[in-house]
N, C-alpha and C. Protein backbone atom coordinates (compact mmCIF):
# COMPACT_ATOMS: atom_id res chain seq x y z
N MET A 1 111.94 100.11 126.87
CA MET A 1 111.69 99.55 128.18
C MET A 1 110.24 99.94 128.57
N TYR A 2 109.53 99.00 129.16
CA TYR A 2 108.17 99.23 129.60
C TYR A 2 108.13 99.08 131.12
N ARG A 3 107.35 99.92 131.76
CA ARG A 3 107.09 99.79 133.18
C ARG A 3 105.60 99.88 133.36
N ARG A 4 105.00 98.79 133.82
CA ARG A 4 103.57 98.73 134.01
C ARG A 4 102.81 99.12 132.74
N GLY A 5 103.32 98.67 131.59
CA GLY A 5 102.66 98.91 130.33
C GLY A 5 102.85 100.30 129.74
N VAL A 6 103.71 101.11 130.36
CA VAL A 6 103.94 102.47 129.87
C VAL A 6 105.32 102.56 129.25
N LEU A 7 105.37 103.11 128.06
CA LEU A 7 106.65 103.30 127.39
C LEU A 7 107.47 104.31 128.17
N THR A 8 108.69 103.97 128.51
CA THR A 8 109.50 104.88 129.33
C THR A 8 110.81 105.29 128.71
N VAL A 9 111.14 104.80 127.53
CA VAL A 9 112.39 105.17 126.89
C VAL A 9 112.17 106.46 126.11
N ALA A 10 112.85 107.51 126.53
CA ALA A 10 112.64 108.84 125.95
C ALA A 10 112.78 108.86 124.41
N PRO A 11 113.82 108.23 123.83
CA PRO A 11 113.93 108.28 122.37
C PRO A 11 112.72 107.65 121.67
N ASP A 12 112.18 106.56 122.22
CA ASP A 12 111.01 105.92 121.62
C ASP A 12 109.80 106.83 121.70
N ILE A 13 109.65 107.50 122.82
CA ILE A 13 108.52 108.43 122.99
C ILE A 13 108.65 109.57 122.01
N GLU A 14 109.84 110.10 121.84
CA GLU A 14 110.08 111.21 120.91
C GLU A 14 109.76 110.80 119.47
N VAL A 15 110.13 109.59 119.08
CA VAL A 15 109.86 109.11 117.72
C VAL A 15 108.35 109.05 117.51
N LEU A 16 107.63 108.48 118.45
CA LEU A 16 106.19 108.36 118.32
C LEU A 16 105.52 109.75 118.31
N ALA A 17 106.05 110.66 119.13
CA ALA A 17 105.49 112.02 119.15
C ALA A 17 105.71 112.71 117.81
N ARG A 18 106.88 112.52 117.20
CA ARG A 18 107.13 113.12 115.88
C ARG A 18 106.19 112.54 114.84
N PHE A 19 106.00 111.24 114.89
CA PHE A 19 105.07 110.59 113.94
C PHE A 19 103.66 111.13 114.14
N GLY A 20 103.27 111.29 115.40
CA GLY A 20 101.94 111.84 115.68
C GLY A 20 101.79 113.25 115.19
N ARG A 21 102.85 114.04 115.37
CA ARG A 21 102.84 115.46 114.89
C ARG A 21 102.68 115.47 113.37
N ALA A 22 103.36 114.59 112.70
CA ALA A 22 103.25 114.56 111.24
C ALA A 22 101.83 114.18 110.80
N LEU A 23 101.22 113.23 111.50
CA LEU A 23 99.88 112.76 111.12
C LEU A 23 98.77 113.70 111.61
N ALA A 24 99.14 114.69 112.41
CA ALA A 24 98.11 115.60 112.98
C ALA A 24 97.51 116.54 111.93
N ASP A 25 98.10 116.65 110.79
CA ASP A 25 97.61 117.55 109.75
C ASP A 25 97.14 116.76 108.53
N PRO A 26 95.92 117.00 108.06
CA PRO A 26 95.40 116.25 106.90
C PRO A 26 96.26 116.37 105.65
N ILE A 27 96.85 117.54 105.42
CA ILE A 27 97.69 117.69 104.23
C ILE A 27 98.95 116.84 104.35
N ARG A 28 99.54 116.81 105.53
CA ARG A 28 100.73 115.97 105.68
C ARG A 28 100.36 114.49 105.52
N CYS A 29 99.20 114.11 105.99
CA CYS A 29 98.72 112.73 105.78
C CYS A 29 98.58 112.45 104.28
N ARG A 30 98.03 113.39 103.55
CA ARG A 30 97.84 113.20 102.11
C ARG A 30 99.20 113.09 101.41
N ILE A 31 100.17 113.87 101.86
CA ILE A 31 101.52 113.81 101.29
C ILE A 31 102.14 112.45 101.56
N LEU A 32 102.04 112.00 102.79
CA LEU A 32 102.61 110.69 103.13
C LEU A 32 101.96 109.57 102.33
N LEU A 33 100.64 109.65 102.19
CA LEU A 33 99.94 108.61 101.43
C LEU A 33 100.35 108.66 99.95
N ALA A 34 100.54 109.85 99.41
CA ALA A 34 100.98 110.00 98.03
C ALA A 34 102.37 109.41 97.85
N LEU A 35 103.28 109.72 98.79
CA LEU A 35 104.65 109.22 98.71
C LEU A 35 104.71 107.73 98.99
N ARG A 36 103.71 107.20 99.67
CA ARG A 36 103.64 105.75 99.89
C ARG A 36 103.48 105.05 98.54
N GLU A 37 102.75 105.71 97.63
CA GLU A 37 102.52 105.13 96.29
C GLU A 37 103.78 105.21 95.42
N ALA A 38 104.48 106.37 95.49
CA ALA A 38 105.68 106.55 94.66
C ALA A 38 106.36 107.85 95.05
N PRO A 39 107.70 107.91 94.89
CA PRO A 39 108.41 109.17 95.10
C PRO A 39 107.86 110.23 94.15
N ALA A 40 108.02 111.49 94.53
CA ALA A 40 107.47 112.57 93.68
C ALA A 40 108.27 113.85 93.85
N TYR A 41 108.13 114.69 92.84
CA TYR A 41 108.72 116.02 92.86
C TYR A 41 107.72 116.99 93.49
N PRO A 42 108.20 118.02 94.16
CA PRO A 42 107.30 118.95 94.83
C PRO A 42 106.24 119.57 93.93
N ALA A 43 106.62 120.00 92.75
CA ALA A 43 105.63 120.61 91.83
C ALA A 43 104.51 119.62 91.50
N ASP A 44 104.86 118.39 91.27
CA ASP A 44 103.88 117.36 90.96
C ASP A 44 102.99 117.07 92.16
N LEU A 45 103.58 117.02 93.36
CA LEU A 45 102.80 116.80 94.56
C LEU A 45 101.81 117.95 94.78
N ALA A 46 102.29 119.18 94.62
CA ALA A 46 101.41 120.35 94.82
C ALA A 46 100.23 120.30 93.86
N ASP A 47 100.49 119.97 92.62
CA ASP A 47 99.41 119.87 91.63
C ASP A 47 98.44 118.75 91.98
N ALA A 48 98.98 117.60 92.34
CA ALA A 48 98.14 116.43 92.65
C ALA A 48 97.28 116.69 93.88
N LEU A 49 97.81 117.42 94.85
CA LEU A 49 97.08 117.67 96.09
C LEU A 49 96.22 118.96 96.03
N GLY A 50 96.45 119.73 94.98
CA GLY A 50 95.69 120.97 94.84
C GLY A 50 96.02 122.04 95.86
N ILE A 51 97.31 122.13 96.23
CA ILE A 51 97.74 123.16 97.15
C ILE A 51 98.90 123.95 96.54
N SER A 52 99.16 125.10 97.14
CA SER A 52 100.25 125.93 96.60
C SER A 52 101.61 125.29 96.90
N ARG A 53 102.59 125.62 96.10
CA ARG A 53 103.93 125.08 96.30
C ARG A 53 104.53 125.58 97.62
N THR A 54 104.19 126.79 98.00
CA THR A 54 104.67 127.35 99.27
C THR A 54 104.11 126.55 100.45
N ARG A 55 102.83 126.29 100.40
CA ARG A 55 102.20 125.54 101.47
C ARG A 55 102.78 124.10 101.51
N LEU A 56 102.94 123.51 100.35
CA LEU A 56 103.53 122.16 100.28
C LEU A 56 104.94 122.17 100.86
N SER A 57 105.72 123.16 100.51
CA SER A 57 107.08 123.26 101.00
C SER A 57 107.14 123.27 102.52
N ASN A 58 106.23 124.02 103.15
CA ASN A 58 106.17 124.07 104.61
C ASN A 58 105.86 122.70 105.19
N HIS A 59 104.93 121.99 104.60
CA HIS A 59 104.59 120.66 105.07
C HIS A 59 105.73 119.65 104.84
N LEU A 60 106.37 119.74 103.71
CA LEU A 60 107.52 118.85 103.45
C LEU A 60 108.65 119.10 104.44
N ALA A 61 108.84 120.36 104.80
CA ALA A 61 109.88 120.70 105.80
C ALA A 61 109.55 120.02 107.13
N CYS A 62 108.29 120.07 107.52
CA CYS A 62 107.87 119.42 108.77
C CYS A 62 108.12 117.90 108.68
N LEU A 63 107.74 117.30 107.57
CA LEU A 63 107.94 115.86 107.40
C LEU A 63 109.42 115.48 107.39
N ARG A 64 110.24 116.34 106.83
CA ARG A 64 111.70 116.11 106.85
C ARG A 64 112.20 116.20 108.30
N ASP A 65 111.75 117.26 109.00
CA ASP A 65 112.18 117.43 110.40
C ASP A 65 111.74 116.26 111.28
N CYS A 66 110.61 115.67 110.94
CA CYS A 66 110.12 114.52 111.72
C CYS A 66 110.82 113.22 111.32
N GLY A 67 111.62 113.28 110.24
CA GLY A 67 112.38 112.12 109.81
C GLY A 67 111.57 111.13 108.98
N LEU A 68 110.45 111.59 108.42
CA LEU A 68 109.58 110.69 107.68
C LEU A 68 109.81 110.71 106.18
N VAL A 69 110.33 111.81 105.66
CA VAL A 69 110.65 111.89 104.22
C VAL A 69 112.09 112.34 104.06
N VAL A 70 112.64 111.99 102.92
CA VAL A 70 114.01 112.40 102.57
C VAL A 70 113.97 112.99 101.16
N THR A 71 114.98 113.80 100.88
CA THR A 71 115.14 114.35 99.55
C THR A 71 116.21 113.54 98.81
N VAL A 72 115.97 113.40 97.51
CA VAL A 72 116.89 112.66 96.66
C VAL A 72 117.22 113.57 95.46
N PRO A 73 118.48 114.03 95.36
CA PRO A 73 118.84 114.87 94.21
C PRO A 73 118.65 114.10 92.92
N ASP A 74 118.11 114.77 91.93
CA ASP A 74 117.87 114.15 90.61
C ASP A 74 118.17 115.22 89.55
N GLY A 75 119.44 115.33 89.21
CA GLY A 75 119.86 116.40 88.31
C GLY A 75 119.66 117.74 88.97
N ARG A 76 118.89 118.62 88.32
CA ARG A 76 118.61 119.94 88.89
C ARG A 76 117.37 119.94 89.79
N ARG A 77 116.72 118.81 89.86
CA ARG A 77 115.51 118.71 90.64
C ARG A 77 115.75 117.89 91.92
N THR A 78 114.81 117.98 92.83
CA THR A 78 114.88 117.20 94.06
C THR A 78 113.59 116.41 94.19
N ARG A 79 113.73 115.14 94.40
CA ARG A 79 112.58 114.24 94.54
C ARG A 79 112.40 113.90 96.03
N TYR A 80 111.15 113.75 96.44
CA TYR A 80 110.85 113.34 97.80
C TYR A 80 110.37 111.91 97.83
N GLU A 81 110.77 111.20 98.91
CA GLU A 81 110.27 109.84 99.10
C GLU A 81 110.23 109.57 100.61
N LEU A 82 109.53 108.52 100.97
CA LEU A 82 109.49 108.12 102.37
C LEU A 82 110.89 107.77 102.81
N ALA A 83 111.23 108.08 104.03
CA ALA A 83 112.57 107.85 104.55
C ALA A 83 112.86 106.35 104.65
N ASP A 84 111.83 105.54 104.81
CA ASP A 84 112.01 104.11 104.94
C ASP A 84 110.74 103.45 104.40
N GLU A 85 110.91 102.40 103.65
CA GLU A 85 109.75 101.73 103.04
C GLU A 85 108.80 101.18 104.12
N ARG A 86 109.30 100.91 105.31
CA ARG A 86 108.46 100.42 106.39
C ARG A 86 107.39 101.44 106.80
N LEU A 87 107.67 102.73 106.53
CA LEU A 87 106.69 103.75 106.86
C LEU A 87 105.41 103.56 106.06
N GLY A 88 105.54 103.14 104.82
CA GLY A 88 104.39 102.86 103.99
C GLY A 88 103.53 101.75 104.60
N HIS A 89 104.21 100.72 105.09
CA HIS A 89 103.50 99.60 105.73
C HIS A 89 102.84 100.08 107.02
N ALA A 90 103.54 100.91 107.78
CA ALA A 90 102.99 101.45 109.04
C ALA A 90 101.75 102.29 108.77
N LEU A 91 101.83 103.11 107.72
CA LEU A 91 100.65 103.93 107.36
C LEU A 91 99.48 103.05 106.97
N ASP A 92 99.73 102.02 106.21
CA ASP A 92 98.66 101.09 105.85
C ASP A 92 98.07 100.43 107.08
N ASP A 93 98.93 99.98 107.98
CA ASP A 93 98.45 99.31 109.18
C ASP A 93 97.61 100.27 110.04
N LEU A 94 98.09 101.49 110.21
CA LEU A 94 97.33 102.46 111.01
C LEU A 94 96.00 102.78 110.36
N ARG A 95 96.03 103.01 109.05
CA ARG A 95 94.81 103.36 108.33
C ARG A 95 93.77 102.26 108.40
N THR A 96 94.19 101.02 108.20
CA THR A 96 93.23 99.93 108.21
C THR A 96 92.76 99.62 109.62
N ALA A 97 93.63 99.81 110.61
CA ALA A 97 93.22 99.58 111.99
C ALA A 97 92.16 100.60 112.42
N VAL A 98 92.34 101.84 112.04
CA VAL A 98 91.37 102.88 112.39
C VAL A 98 90.09 102.77 111.56
N VAL A 99 90.25 102.58 110.25
CA VAL A 99 89.10 102.46 109.38
C VAL A 99 88.33 101.20 109.75
N GLY A 100 89.04 100.15 110.12
CA GLY A 100 88.39 98.91 110.47
C GLY A 100 87.49 99.02 111.69
N ARG A 101 87.74 100.02 112.50
CA ARG A 101 86.90 100.21 113.69
C ARG A 101 85.58 100.90 113.31
N GLY A 102 85.54 101.55 112.15
CA GLY A 102 84.28 102.19 111.71
C GLY A 102 83.88 103.29 112.66
N ASP A 103 82.56 103.43 112.86
CA ASP A 103 82.03 104.46 113.72
C ASP A 103 81.80 103.98 115.15
N ARG A 104 82.24 102.74 115.43
CA ARG A 104 82.02 102.22 116.77
C ARG A 104 82.88 102.96 117.77
N PRO A 105 82.38 103.24 118.96
CA PRO A 105 83.20 103.87 119.99
C PRO A 105 84.29 102.92 120.43
N TYR A 106 85.37 103.47 120.86
CA TYR A 106 86.50 102.64 121.28
C TYR A 106 86.15 101.90 122.56
N VAL A 107 86.31 100.60 122.52
CA VAL A 107 86.16 99.77 123.72
C VAL A 107 87.38 98.90 123.79
N ARG A 108 88.08 98.98 124.89
CA ARG A 108 89.31 98.18 125.02
C ARG A 108 88.97 96.70 125.14
N ARG A 109 89.65 95.92 124.32
CA ARG A 109 89.47 94.49 124.37
C ARG A 109 90.53 93.86 125.27
N ARG A 110 90.13 92.89 126.04
CA ARG A 110 91.10 92.25 126.93
C ARG A 110 91.34 90.86 126.50
């Protein structure tokens, strides 16, 4: 529900806040972008991103809590993937919208 252009439905606001929290850290952004390409195992992600497994684990926990990634049991291992394929599209849209603006200051278009 919108009132005067302001989002007023608490669950919607909470979802967007969680998404923003996830994107607030560059490592979590890198994880999401990597998982956008393909599901991955934590050890492989840590190696690809050049971070410790402990640090990766903390970031993956945050992304799970935000509802952006899920775990998929695979034998004795656990694979991570985006919780919904639409998240990959959303990340692409956000990235291109922001990159598309370049270094220009934000000016609202009417």
